[in-house]
N, C-alpha and C. Protein backbone atom coordinates (compact mmCIF):
# COMPACT_ATOMS: atom_id res chain seq x y z
N MET A 1 217.62 1.27 111.69
CA MET A 1 218.11 2.44 112.43
C MET A 1 219.63 2.95 112.60
N THR A 2 219.97 3.84 112.46
CA THR A 2 221.19 4.56 112.30
C THR A 2 222.02 4.60 113.69
N THR A 3 222.99 4.30 114.14
CA THR A 3 223.90 4.57 115.38
C THR A 3 223.64 5.71 116.05
N LYS A 4 223.32 7.24 115.22
CA LYS A 4 223.16 8.09 115.96
C LYS A 4 221.70 7.90 116.13
N LYS A 5 220.87 7.52 115.67
CA LYS A 5 219.14 7.89 115.97
C LYS A 5 218.98 6.57 117.39
N ILE A 6 219.82 5.73 117.16
CA ILE A 6 220.12 4.83 118.15
C ILE A 6 219.89 5.43 119.58
N LEU A 7 220.99 6.06 119.59
CA LEU A 7 221.92 7.05 120.50
C LEU A 7 220.65 7.97 121.18
N ALA A 8 220.09 8.67 120.10
CA ALA A 8 219.23 9.54 120.25
C ALA A 8 217.87 9.25 120.98
N ALA A 9 217.69 7.98 120.66
CA ALA A 9 216.29 7.59 120.81
C ALA A 9 216.65 6.96 122.43
N THR A 10 217.83 6.57 122.66
CA THR A 10 218.15 5.99 124.25
C THR A 10 218.20 7.40 125.15
N ALA A 11 218.53 8.44 124.83
CA ALA A 11 218.71 9.18 125.62
C ALA A 11 217.43 9.82 125.70
N ALA A 12 216.57 10.01 124.77
CA ALA A 12 215.00 10.77 125.01
C ALA A 12 214.26 9.19 126.43
N ALA A 13 214.75 8.19 126.00
CA ALA A 13 214.42 7.29 127.05
C ALA A 13 214.48 7.14 128.62
N LEU A 14 215.99 7.74 128.65
CA LEU A 14 216.74 7.80 129.78
C LEU A 14 215.89 9.03 130.33
N ALA A 15 215.91 10.17 129.60
CA ALA A 15 215.28 11.44 130.23
C ALA A 15 213.95 11.09 130.90
N ILE A 16 213.19 10.63 130.03
CA ILE A 16 211.60 10.33 130.46
C ILE A 16 211.41 9.33 131.68
N SER A 17 212.47 8.47 131.63
CA SER A 17 212.88 7.73 132.79
C SER A 17 213.13 8.18 134.11
N ALA A 18 214.15 9.27 134.24
CA ALA A 18 214.70 9.92 135.28
C ALA A 18 213.34 10.53 135.42
N ALA A 19 212.63 11.51 134.91
CA ALA A 19 211.69 12.59 135.11
C ALA A 19 210.63 11.83 135.71
N ALA A 20 210.10 10.82 135.13
CA ALA A 20 209.36 9.64 136.02
C ALA A 20 209.53 9.49 137.20
N ALA A 21 210.78 9.41 137.72
CA ALA A 21 211.70 8.44 138.79
C ALA A 21 211.25 9.69 139.91
N VAL A 22 211.04 11.35 139.85
CA VAL A 22 211.05 12.27 140.61
C VAL A 22 209.71 12.61 140.97
N PRO A 23 208.79 12.01 141.90
CA PRO A 23 207.96 12.54 142.48
C PRO A 23 207.59 13.72 142.08
N ALA A 24 206.57 13.90 141.82
CA ALA A 24 205.72 15.75 141.88
C ALA A 24 205.38 16.09 143.34
N LEU A 25 205.51 17.32 143.52
CA LEU A 25 205.38 17.63 144.57
C LEU A 25 203.71 18.10 144.84
N ALA A 26 202.95 18.02 145.91
CA ALA A 26 201.51 18.04 146.06
C ALA A 26 201.04 19.61 144.72
N LYS A 27 199.66 19.23 144.83
CA LYS A 27 199.39 20.07 144.14
C LYS A 27 199.30 21.26 145.07
N ASP A 28 198.30 22.83 144.26
CA ASP A 28 197.73 23.68 144.87
C ASP A 28 196.67 22.70 145.85
N GLY A 29 196.55 23.31 147.12
CA GLY A 29 195.79 22.66 148.40
C GLY A 29 196.13 22.71 149.67
N PHE A 30 195.35 21.74 150.80
CA PHE A 30 196.35 21.74 152.09
C PHE A 30 197.41 20.74 152.30
N TYR A 31 197.91 21.03 152.91
CA TYR A 31 198.73 20.01 153.72
C TYR A 31 199.35 20.38 155.20
N VAL A 32 199.55 19.18 155.70
CA VAL A 32 200.06 19.22 157.07
C VAL A 32 201.53 18.91 156.97
N ALA A 33 202.28 18.94 158.06
CA ALA A 33 203.61 18.84 158.21
C ALA A 33 204.27 18.90 159.85
N PRO A 34 204.28 17.47 160.24
CA PRO A 34 204.93 17.62 161.71
C PRO A 34 206.54 17.51 161.60
N SER A 35 207.26 17.94 162.40
CA SER A 35 208.53 18.07 162.52
C SER A 35 209.24 17.69 163.82
N LEU A 36 210.69 17.70 163.54
CA LEU A 36 211.11 16.98 164.70
C LEU A 36 212.74 17.95 164.38
N GLY A 37 213.34 18.76 165.44
CA GLY A 37 214.45 19.94 165.24
C GLY A 37 215.21 19.76 166.12
N LEU A 38 216.70 20.22 166.39
CA LEU A 38 217.45 20.27 167.24
C LEU A 38 217.48 21.84 167.26
N LEU A 39 217.39 22.45 168.49
CA LEU A 39 217.59 23.75 169.23
C LEU A 39 218.59 24.06 169.75
N VAL A 40 219.65 25.14 168.59
CA VAL A 40 220.63 25.37 169.32
C VAL A 40 220.73 27.10 169.86
N PRO A 41 220.81 27.03 171.13
CA PRO A 41 220.05 28.89 171.71
C PRO A 41 221.70 29.34 171.56
N GLN A 42 221.46 30.53 171.27
CA GLN A 42 222.21 31.68 171.70
C GLN A 42 222.70 32.31 173.10
N SER A 43 224.01 32.49 172.88
CA SER A 43 224.57 33.06 174.40
C SER A 43 223.40 34.35 174.23
N GLN A 44 223.02 34.87 175.59
CA GLN A 44 222.15 35.94 176.14
C GLN A 44 222.98 36.77 176.95
N ASP A 45 223.71 38.11 176.46
CA ASP A 45 224.42 38.57 177.31
C ASP A 45 223.99 40.11 178.25
N TYR A 46 224.60 40.11 179.13
CA TYR A 46 224.03 41.03 180.25
C TYR A 46 224.98 41.90 180.66
N ASP A 47 224.27 43.66 180.47
CA ASP A 47 225.13 44.38 181.10
C ASP A 47 224.06 45.60 181.68
N ASP A 48 223.97 45.83 182.92
CA ASP A 48 223.26 46.67 183.62
C ASP A 48 223.95 47.99 183.87
N GLY A 49 224.87 48.27 183.06
CA GLY A 49 225.54 49.51 183.54
C GLY A 49 227.35 49.31 184.78
N VAL A 50 226.85 48.49 185.61
CA VAL A 50 227.20 48.62 186.64
C VAL A 50 228.21 46.80 186.45
N ASP A 51 227.14 45.08 186.34
CA ASP A 51 227.73 44.42 186.00
C ASP A 51 227.56 43.73 184.90
N THR A 52 228.52 42.97 184.62
CA THR A 52 228.28 42.20 183.20
C THR A 52 228.04 40.75 183.40
N GLY A 53 227.83 40.01 182.25
CA GLY A 53 228.09 38.66 182.38
C GLY A 53 227.00 37.95 181.15
N LYS A 54 226.99 36.96 181.25
CA LYS A 54 226.20 36.06 179.71
C LYS A 54 226.05 34.82 180.39
N VAL A 55 225.00 34.36 179.94
CA VAL A 55 224.26 33.06 179.87
C VAL A 55 224.35 32.61 178.62
N GLU A 56 224.75 31.29 178.42
CA GLU A 56 224.84 30.56 177.69
C GLU A 56 224.09 28.79 177.61
N PHE A 57 223.29 28.85 176.92
CA PHE A 57 222.37 27.49 177.02
C PHE A 57 222.74 26.30 176.34
N ASP A 58 222.42 25.32 177.08
CA ASP A 58 222.74 24.28 176.42
C ASP A 58 221.82 23.69 175.18
N ASN A 59 222.10 22.85 174.53
CA ASN A 59 221.21 22.96 173.07
C ASN A 59 220.11 22.04 174.11
N GLY A 60 219.07 21.85 173.00
CA GLY A 60 217.38 21.51 173.00
C GLY A 60 217.06 20.76 171.74
N TRP A 61 215.98 20.53 172.20
CA TRP A 61 215.11 20.12 170.94
C TRP A 61 213.85 20.66 170.95
N THR A 62 212.96 20.08 169.46
CA THR A 62 211.94 21.15 169.27
C THR A 62 210.94 19.97 168.43
N ILE A 63 209.64 19.97 168.57
CA ILE A 63 208.61 19.20 168.04
C ILE A 63 207.50 19.66 167.43
N GLY A 64 207.08 20.13 166.46
CA GLY A 64 206.18 20.74 166.08
C GLY A 64 205.14 20.27 164.69
N ALA A 65 203.91 20.81 164.90
CA ALA A 65 202.61 20.30 164.14
C ALA A 65 202.36 21.95 162.93
N ALA A 66 202.34 21.62 161.63
CA ALA A 66 201.81 22.82 161.10
C ALA A 66 201.06 22.41 160.28
N ALA A 67 200.08 23.36 159.70
CA ALA A 67 199.10 23.14 158.59
C ALA A 67 199.16 24.46 157.55
N GLY A 68 199.02 23.83 156.43
CA GLY A 68 199.19 25.33 155.34
C GLY A 68 198.64 24.51 154.68
N TYR A 69 198.35 25.96 152.93
CA TYR A 69 197.84 26.04 152.15
C TYR A 69 198.58 26.69 150.88
N ARG A 70 199.16 25.63 149.54
CA ARG A 70 200.02 26.38 148.59
C ARG A 70 198.89 26.81 147.88
N PHE A 71 199.24 27.73 146.90
CA PHE A 71 198.72 28.46 146.16
C PHE A 71 199.93 28.86 144.84
N GLY A 72 200.11 28.46 143.70
CA GLY A 72 201.41 28.16 142.96
C GLY A 72 202.57 28.03 143.82
N GLN A 73 203.78 29.29 143.75
CA GLN A 73 204.73 28.86 144.27
C GLN A 73 204.77 29.17 145.83
N PHE A 74 203.14 30.01 146.15
CA PHE A 74 203.60 30.73 147.30
C PHE A 74 202.58 29.53 148.80
N ARG A 75 203.02 29.73 149.77
CA ARG A 75 202.47 29.11 150.86
C ARG A 75 201.75 29.74 151.96
N VAL A 76 200.87 29.93 152.53
CA VAL A 76 200.96 30.16 154.10
C VAL A 76 200.57 28.79 154.97
N GLU A 77 201.30 29.14 156.30
CA GLU A 77 201.33 28.19 157.09
C GLU A 77 201.25 28.73 158.37
N GLY A 78 200.30 27.59 159.51
CA GLY A 78 200.54 28.28 160.71
C GLY A 78 200.84 26.48 161.36
N GLU A 79 201.33 27.13 162.57
CA GLU A 79 202.34 25.96 163.47
C GLU A 79 202.39 26.64 165.11
N LEU A 80 202.23 25.18 165.97
CA LEU A 80 202.28 25.36 167.09
C LEU A 80 203.30 24.05 167.30
N ALA A 81 204.61 24.71 168.47
CA ALA A 81 205.66 23.68 168.29
C ALA A 81 205.80 23.60 169.71
N TYR A 82 206.81 23.11 170.12
CA TYR A 82 206.69 22.62 171.58
C TYR A 82 208.33 22.33 171.61
N GLY A 83 209.31 23.18 172.91
CA GLY A 83 210.40 22.41 172.87
C GLY A 83 210.92 22.09 174.21
N GLU A 84 212.10 21.35 174.39
CA GLU A 84 213.10 22.01 175.93
C GLU A 84 214.09 21.87 175.54
N VAL A 85 214.42 22.90 176.86
CA VAL A 85 216.12 22.88 177.01
C VAL A 85 216.55 23.14 178.56
N SER A 86 217.38 21.94 179.01
CA SER A 86 217.95 21.80 180.22
C SER A 86 218.36 22.86 180.76
N GLY A 87 220.02 23.29 180.71
CA GLY A 87 220.53 24.37 181.50
C GLY A 87 221.64 24.72 181.01
N GLY A 88 222.85 24.94 181.35
CA GLY A 88 223.89 25.79 180.60
C GLY A 88 224.39 26.14 181.59
N ASP A 89 225.28 27.37 181.26
CA ASP A 89 226.59 27.64 181.88
C ASP A 89 226.16 29.48 181.70
N PHE A 90 226.48 30.22 183.03
CA PHE A 90 226.66 31.38 183.15
C PHE A 90 227.41 32.38 183.67
N THR A 91 228.24 33.67 183.09
CA THR A 91 229.34 34.43 183.39
C THR A 91 228.59 35.61 183.99
N PHE A 92 229.18 35.80 185.47
CA PHE A 92 228.64 37.01 186.12
C PHE A 92 230.40 37.87 186.65
N ASN A 93 230.26 38.72 185.93
CA ASN A 93 231.57 40.15 186.08
C ASN A 93 232.79 38.67 185.92
N GLY A 94 233.26 38.21 184.83
CA GLY A 94 234.64 36.88 184.91
C GLY A 94 234.34 36.01 185.26
N ALA A 95 233.21 35.75 186.67
CA ALA A 95 233.32 34.42 187.30
C ALA A 95 232.09 33.44 186.36
N LYS A 96 232.50 32.24 186.20
CA LYS A 96 232.06 31.40 185.50
C LYS A 96 231.35 29.95 185.99
N SER A 97 229.96 29.62 186.29
CA SER A 97 229.34 28.33 186.78
C SER A 97 228.52 28.20 185.94
N SER A 98 227.72 26.81 186.21
CA SER A 98 226.93 26.08 185.34
C SER A 98 225.98 25.74 186.22
N PHE A 99 224.65 25.83 185.54
CA PHE A 99 222.85 25.72 186.22
C PHE A 99 222.40 24.91 185.45
N ASP A 100 221.38 24.21 186.24
CA ASP A 100 220.41 23.10 186.04
C ASP A 100 219.53 23.90 186.09
N ALA A 101 218.23 23.77 185.24
CA ALA A 101 216.87 24.10 184.51
C ALA A 101 216.19 23.05 183.77
N GLU A 102 214.83 23.07 184.14
CA GLU A 102 214.02 22.61 183.07
C GLU A 102 212.82 24.03 182.77
N GLN A 103 213.76 24.08 181.54
CA GLN A 103 213.47 25.22 180.65
C GLN A 103 212.26 24.36 179.40
N THR A 104 210.70 24.82 179.62
CA THR A 104 210.09 24.31 178.53
C THR A 104 209.43 25.62 177.41
N LEU A 105 209.29 25.60 176.36
CA LEU A 105 208.84 26.60 175.60
C LEU A 105 208.02 26.00 174.43
N PHE A 106 206.96 26.98 174.57
CA PHE A 106 205.39 26.66 173.55
C PHE A 106 205.41 28.16 172.45
N SER A 107 205.02 27.72 171.20
CA SER A 107 204.94 28.88 170.19
C SER A 107 204.08 28.71 169.75
N GLY A 108 203.24 29.82 169.15
CA GLY A 108 202.46 29.53 167.87
C GLY A 108 202.88 30.33 166.82
N THR A 109 202.62 30.14 165.65
CA THR A 109 203.74 31.12 164.50
C THR A 109 202.46 31.17 163.45
N LEU A 110 202.41 32.27 162.61
CA LEU A 110 202.24 32.40 161.23
C LEU A 110 203.34 33.03 160.50
N ALA A 111 203.36 31.97 159.12
CA ALA A 111 204.28 32.11 158.28
C ALA A 111 203.71 32.15 156.88
N GLY A 112 204.49 32.89 156.04
CA GLY A 112 204.63 32.32 154.45
C GLY A 112 205.74 32.55 153.69
N TYR A 113 205.76 31.59 152.62
CA TYR A 113 206.74 31.13 152.03
C TYR A 113 206.57 31.17 150.82
N TYR A 114 207.98 30.93 150.14
CA TYR A 114 208.04 31.24 148.00
C TYR A 114 208.86 29.60 148.07
N ASP A 115 208.17 29.03 147.01
CA ASP A 115 208.92 27.85 146.81
C ASP A 115 209.36 28.04 145.15
N PHE A 116 210.71 27.60 145.26
CA PHE A 116 211.42 28.18 143.83
C PHE A 116 211.26 26.51 143.08
N GLY A 117 210.85 26.67 141.62
CA GLY A 117 210.40 25.39 141.36
C GLY A 117 209.04 24.83 141.09
N ALA A 118 208.56 24.09 140.19
CA ALA A 118 207.10 23.25 140.44
C ALA A 118 207.28 22.03 140.77
N ASP A 119 208.14 20.91 140.62
CA ASP A 119 208.06 19.84 140.24
C ASP A 119 209.63 19.70 140.49
N GLY A 120 210.36 18.33 141.32
CA GLY A 120 210.99 17.89 141.90
C GLY A 120 211.43 18.62 142.99
N ILE A 121 212.61 18.32 143.36
CA ILE A 121 213.54 19.07 144.29
C ILE A 121 213.44 20.63 144.52
N GLN A 122 212.72 21.05 145.50
CA GLN A 122 211.88 22.19 145.44
C GLN A 122 212.62 23.23 146.43
N PRO A 123 213.51 24.21 146.67
CA PRO A 123 214.10 25.10 147.60
C PRO A 123 212.76 26.08 147.99
N TYR A 124 213.13 26.78 149.13
CA TYR A 124 212.19 27.42 149.83
C TYR A 124 212.61 28.47 150.63
N VAL A 125 212.07 29.73 150.43
CA VAL A 125 212.42 30.74 151.57
C VAL A 125 211.26 31.31 152.28
N GLY A 126 211.66 32.09 153.41
CA GLY A 126 210.19 32.03 154.12
C GLY A 126 210.69 32.98 155.59
N GLY A 127 209.50 33.28 156.11
CA GLY A 127 209.98 33.85 157.55
C GLY A 127 207.95 33.94 158.32
N GLY A 128 208.23 34.43 159.66
CA GLY A 128 206.72 34.30 160.27
C GLY A 128 207.28 35.01 161.62
N ILE A 129 205.65 35.10 162.11
CA ILE A 129 205.87 36.03 163.34
C ILE A 129 204.50 35.36 164.38
N GLY A 130 205.01 35.28 165.41
CA GLY A 130 204.11 34.98 166.66
C GLY A 130 204.43 34.82 167.63
N PHE A 131 204.21 34.20 168.81
CA PHE A 131 204.41 34.21 170.30
C PHE A 131 205.10 32.94 170.48
N LEU A 132 205.91 33.44 171.65
CA LEU A 132 206.61 32.45 172.46
C LEU A 132 206.40 32.49 173.48
N SER A 133 206.35 31.59 174.34
CA SER A 133 205.82 31.00 175.92
C SER A 133 207.39 30.31 176.54
N ALA A 134 207.86 30.86 177.59
CA ALA A 134 208.87 30.11 177.73
C ALA A 134 208.63 30.16 179.59
N ASP A 135 208.80 28.86 180.07
CA ASP A 135 208.42 28.17 181.57
C ASP A 135 209.70 27.72 182.15
N ILE A 136 210.19 28.22 183.38
CA ILE A 136 211.75 28.23 183.82
C ILE A 136 211.16 27.50 185.34
N GLU A 137 211.69 26.32 185.64
CA GLU A 137 211.36 25.35 186.90
C GLU A 137 212.88 24.68 187.21
N ASN A 138 212.69 24.48 188.83
CA ASN A 138 214.21 23.96 188.95
C ASN A 138 215.24 24.44 188.76
N VAL A 139 215.27 25.65 189.10
CA VAL A 139 216.38 26.20 188.99
C VAL A 139 217.66 25.78 189.68
N SER A 140 218.67 25.24 189.21
CA SER A 140 219.83 25.38 190.60
C SER A 140 221.03 25.84 190.19
N ALA A 141 221.87 26.21 191.02
CA ALA A 141 223.44 26.75 190.76
C ALA A 141 224.04 27.22 191.78
N LEU A 142 225.56 26.32 191.65
CA LEU A 142 226.33 26.34 192.64
C LEU A 142 225.65 25.70 194.19
N GLY A 143 224.94 24.78 193.84
CA GLY A 143 224.73 23.97 195.42
C GLY A 143 223.16 24.67 195.87
N ILE A 144 222.97 26.05 195.41
CA ILE A 144 221.81 26.24 195.72
C ILE A 144 220.27 26.54 194.81
N ASN A 145 219.08 25.70 195.21
CA ASN A 145 218.16 25.62 194.27
C ASN A 145 217.35 26.68 194.38
N ALA A 146 217.17 27.84 193.45
CA ALA A 146 216.51 28.84 193.58
C ALA A 146 215.09 28.35 192.81
N GLY A 147 214.86 27.24 192.73
CA GLY A 147 213.33 27.21 192.58
C GLY A 147 212.28 27.57 191.48
N ASP A 148 211.51 28.00 191.23
CA ASP A 148 210.83 28.14 189.55
C ASP A 148 211.06 29.82 189.24
N LEU A 149 211.30 30.25 187.98
CA LEU A 149 210.93 31.38 187.64
C LEU A 149 210.19 31.70 187.06
N GLY A 150 209.23 30.89 187.04
CA GLY A 150 208.18 31.47 186.49
C GLY A 150 207.51 31.25 184.65
N SER A 151 206.77 31.75 184.00
CA SER A 151 206.47 31.79 182.76
C SER A 151 206.58 33.25 182.13
N ASP A 152 206.99 33.49 180.81
CA ASP A 152 206.83 34.69 180.23
C ASP A 152 206.09 34.66 178.97
N THR A 153 205.53 35.29 177.98
CA THR A 153 204.85 34.87 176.61
C THR A 153 205.49 36.29 176.09
N ASN A 154 206.14 36.02 174.74
CA ASN A 154 206.78 36.84 174.02
C ASN A 154 206.57 37.11 172.86
N LEU A 155 207.00 38.37 171.91
CA LEU A 155 206.71 38.37 170.32
C LEU A 155 208.13 37.51 170.14
N THR A 156 208.05 36.60 168.76
CA THR A 156 209.06 35.84 167.78
C THR A 156 208.74 36.19 166.65
N LEU A 157 209.77 35.96 165.88
CA LEU A 157 210.05 36.33 164.70
C LEU A 157 211.30 35.26 164.47
N PHE A 158 210.57 34.53 162.73
CA PHE A 158 211.80 33.87 162.30
C PHE A 158 212.29 33.92 160.88
N GLY A 159 213.33 33.48 160.53
CA GLY A 159 213.58 33.38 159.30
C GLY A 159 213.93 31.84 158.99
N GLU A 160 213.46 31.94 157.66
CA GLU A 160 213.65 30.10 157.29
C GLU A 160 214.14 29.52 155.83
N ALA A 161 215.14 29.03 155.68
CA ALA A 161 215.27 28.51 154.59
C ALA A 161 215.12 26.98 154.43
N GLY A 162 214.75 26.08 153.25
CA GLY A 162 214.69 24.89 153.27
C GLY A 162 214.81 24.08 151.93
N VAL A 163 214.31 22.74 151.78
CA VAL A 163 213.98 22.15 150.43
C VAL A 163 213.23 21.04 151.00
N ALA A 164 212.34 21.16 149.93
CA ALA A 164 211.50 19.70 149.99
C ALA A 164 211.86 18.76 149.22
N ILE A 165 211.99 17.77 149.49
CA ILE A 165 212.48 16.46 148.75
C ILE A 165 211.38 15.76 148.63
N PRO A 166 210.59 15.36 147.34
CA PRO A 166 209.66 14.56 147.09
C PRO A 166 210.11 13.17 147.35
N VAL A 167 209.12 12.09 148.26
CA VAL A 167 209.65 10.62 148.07
C VAL A 167 208.54 10.07 147.68
N GLY A 168 207.42 10.77 147.09
CA GLY A 168 205.89 10.01 146.96
C GLY A 168 205.18 10.79 146.70
N GLU A 169 203.82 10.90 145.85
CA GLU A 169 202.69 11.42 145.45
C GLU A 169 202.14 12.13 146.52
N ASN A 170 202.23 13.78 146.64
CA ASN A 170 201.93 14.68 147.46
C ASN A 170 202.73 14.25 149.13
N LEU A 171 204.00 13.57 148.88
CA LEU A 171 204.34 13.44 150.00
C LEU A 171 206.03 13.86 149.82
N ALA A 172 206.76 14.87 151.11
CA ALA A 172 208.02 15.22 150.57
C ALA A 172 208.80 15.48 151.98
N ILE A 173 210.15 14.97 152.22
CA ILE A 173 210.91 15.28 153.29
C ILE A 173 211.26 16.52 153.31
N VAL A 174 211.35 17.67 154.24
CA VAL A 174 211.70 18.77 154.31
C VAL A 174 212.20 18.62 155.24
N PRO A 175 214.00 19.15 154.95
CA PRO A 175 215.25 19.58 156.33
C PRO A 175 215.24 21.09 156.02
N SER A 176 215.39 21.86 156.91
CA SER A 176 215.49 23.17 156.57
C SER A 176 216.44 23.72 157.99
N TYR A 177 216.53 24.98 158.28
CA TYR A 177 217.04 25.82 159.04
C TYR A 177 216.17 27.00 159.23
N ARG A 178 216.33 26.83 160.68
CA ARG A 178 214.91 28.76 160.99
C ARG A 178 216.14 29.39 161.91
N TYR A 179 215.98 30.73 161.58
CA TYR A 179 216.60 31.69 162.83
C TYR A 179 215.66 32.35 163.27
N ILE A 180 215.64 31.75 164.91
CA ILE A 180 214.69 32.62 165.80
C ILE A 180 215.09 33.70 166.78
N TRP A 181 214.12 35.05 166.44
CA TRP A 181 214.99 35.80 167.33
C TRP A 181 213.26 36.41 168.15
N VAL A 182 213.62 36.23 169.93
CA VAL A 182 212.22 36.21 170.50
C VAL A 182 212.43 37.79 171.26
N ASP A 183 211.67 38.88 171.62
CA ASP A 183 211.86 39.77 172.07
C ASP A 183 211.14 39.79 173.87
N ASP A 184 212.19 39.27 174.03
CA ASP A 184 211.95 39.25 175.84
C ASP A 184 213.22 39.88 176.24
N GLY A 185 214.33 41.04 175.78
CA GLY A 185 215.00 41.51 176.94
C GLY A 185 214.83 42.07 177.76
N GLY A 186 215.42 43.00 178.25
CA GLY A 186 215.44 43.85 179.37
C GLY A 186 216.01 43.92 180.63
N ASP A 187 216.04 45.02 181.37
CA ASP A 187 216.43 44.37 183.05
C ASP A 187 218.07 44.37 182.59
N GLY A 188 218.90 44.77 181.41
CA GLY A 188 220.08 44.22 181.43
C GLY A 188 220.16 43.43 180.37
N PHE A 189 219.44 42.32 179.94
CA PHE A 189 219.59 41.48 179.29
C PHE A 189 219.25 41.47 177.82
N ASP A 190 220.38 40.95 176.67
CA ASP A 190 219.72 41.14 175.14
C ASP A 190 218.29 40.61 174.86
N ASN A 191 218.20 40.64 173.81
CA ASN A 191 216.82 39.42 173.47
C ASN A 191 217.57 38.21 173.61
N ASN A 192 216.90 37.13 173.34
CA ASN A 192 217.52 35.66 173.03
C ASN A 192 217.33 35.63 171.32
N THR A 193 218.22 34.74 170.60
CA THR A 193 217.89 34.19 169.55
C THR A 193 218.21 32.76 169.64
N ALA A 194 217.90 32.02 168.73
CA ALA A 194 218.30 30.68 168.44
C ALA A 194 218.13 29.87 167.23
N HIS A 195 219.08 29.21 166.87
CA HIS A 195 219.22 28.37 165.19
C HIS A 195 218.28 27.22 165.93
N ASN A 196 217.39 26.64 164.92
CA ASN A 196 217.00 25.64 164.51
C ASN A 196 216.72 24.85 163.43
N PHE A 197 217.50 23.42 163.86
CA PHE A 197 217.67 22.66 162.59
C PHE A 197 216.39 21.58 162.44
N ARG A 198 215.56 21.65 161.51
CA ARG A 198 214.49 20.38 161.69
C ARG A 198 214.48 20.10 160.18
N VAL A 199 213.37 18.88 160.97
CA VAL A 199 213.19 17.50 159.98
C VAL A 199 211.75 17.62 159.88
N ALA A 200 210.66 17.72 158.73
CA ALA A 200 209.46 17.56 158.29
C ALA A 200 208.98 16.69 157.51
N LEU A 201 207.80 16.44 157.46
CA LEU A 201 207.43 15.14 156.74
C LEU A 201 206.14 16.28 156.05
N ARG A 202 206.24 16.20 155.14
CA ARG A 202 205.38 17.64 154.27
C ARG A 202 203.91 16.67 153.53
N VAL A 203 202.82 16.23 153.89
CA VAL A 203 202.00 15.54 153.03
C VAL A 203 200.68 16.38 152.75
N GLY A 204 200.69 16.35 150.98
CA GLY A 204 199.84 17.32 150.69
C GLY A 204 198.50 16.33 150.63
N PHE A 205 196.98 17.15 150.24
CA PHE A 205 195.66 16.69 149.73
C PHE A 205 195.24 16.91 149.03
């Protein structure tokens, strides 16, 4: 065998070995995907025509459980998620102060995604719609306990981009970014928005 043929055979063997080292993602069918995330709420402006202000929330966390179905490069997915945000700062007519609160978030969403590529590392994009319920308790500011502000449920929309990294047969680690919009504005307040940086473990069947 000539040197040229030896090199060609070696290159072919390396290519086959590299391809075999990257596990294939799950085939068409059902999957589940628990997730953990960092929630970064955006500031919420206030302007009633007389007074102006801004609410800036501390970062929080989320935990979710999703179930979906893959067909080809498309997926449909339903998810239930829970999150918490503690407090933050508020500005009213130029005067700024901090506040404490126990804010819990619960959401239910239905989403659609498109996966790029069939095997190996697989980027994806998509979005969803659903509801988000926020319950705010034990609010205190400037040494005054304002008590509970109650709960409110509103429409929520999100866009998401991520990448599925296969780590085994029908198993992938999925880091992603989600932009969340909540239709909860009114009485001078803008709608709430947030960034959600998540990591999920997707298990196919």
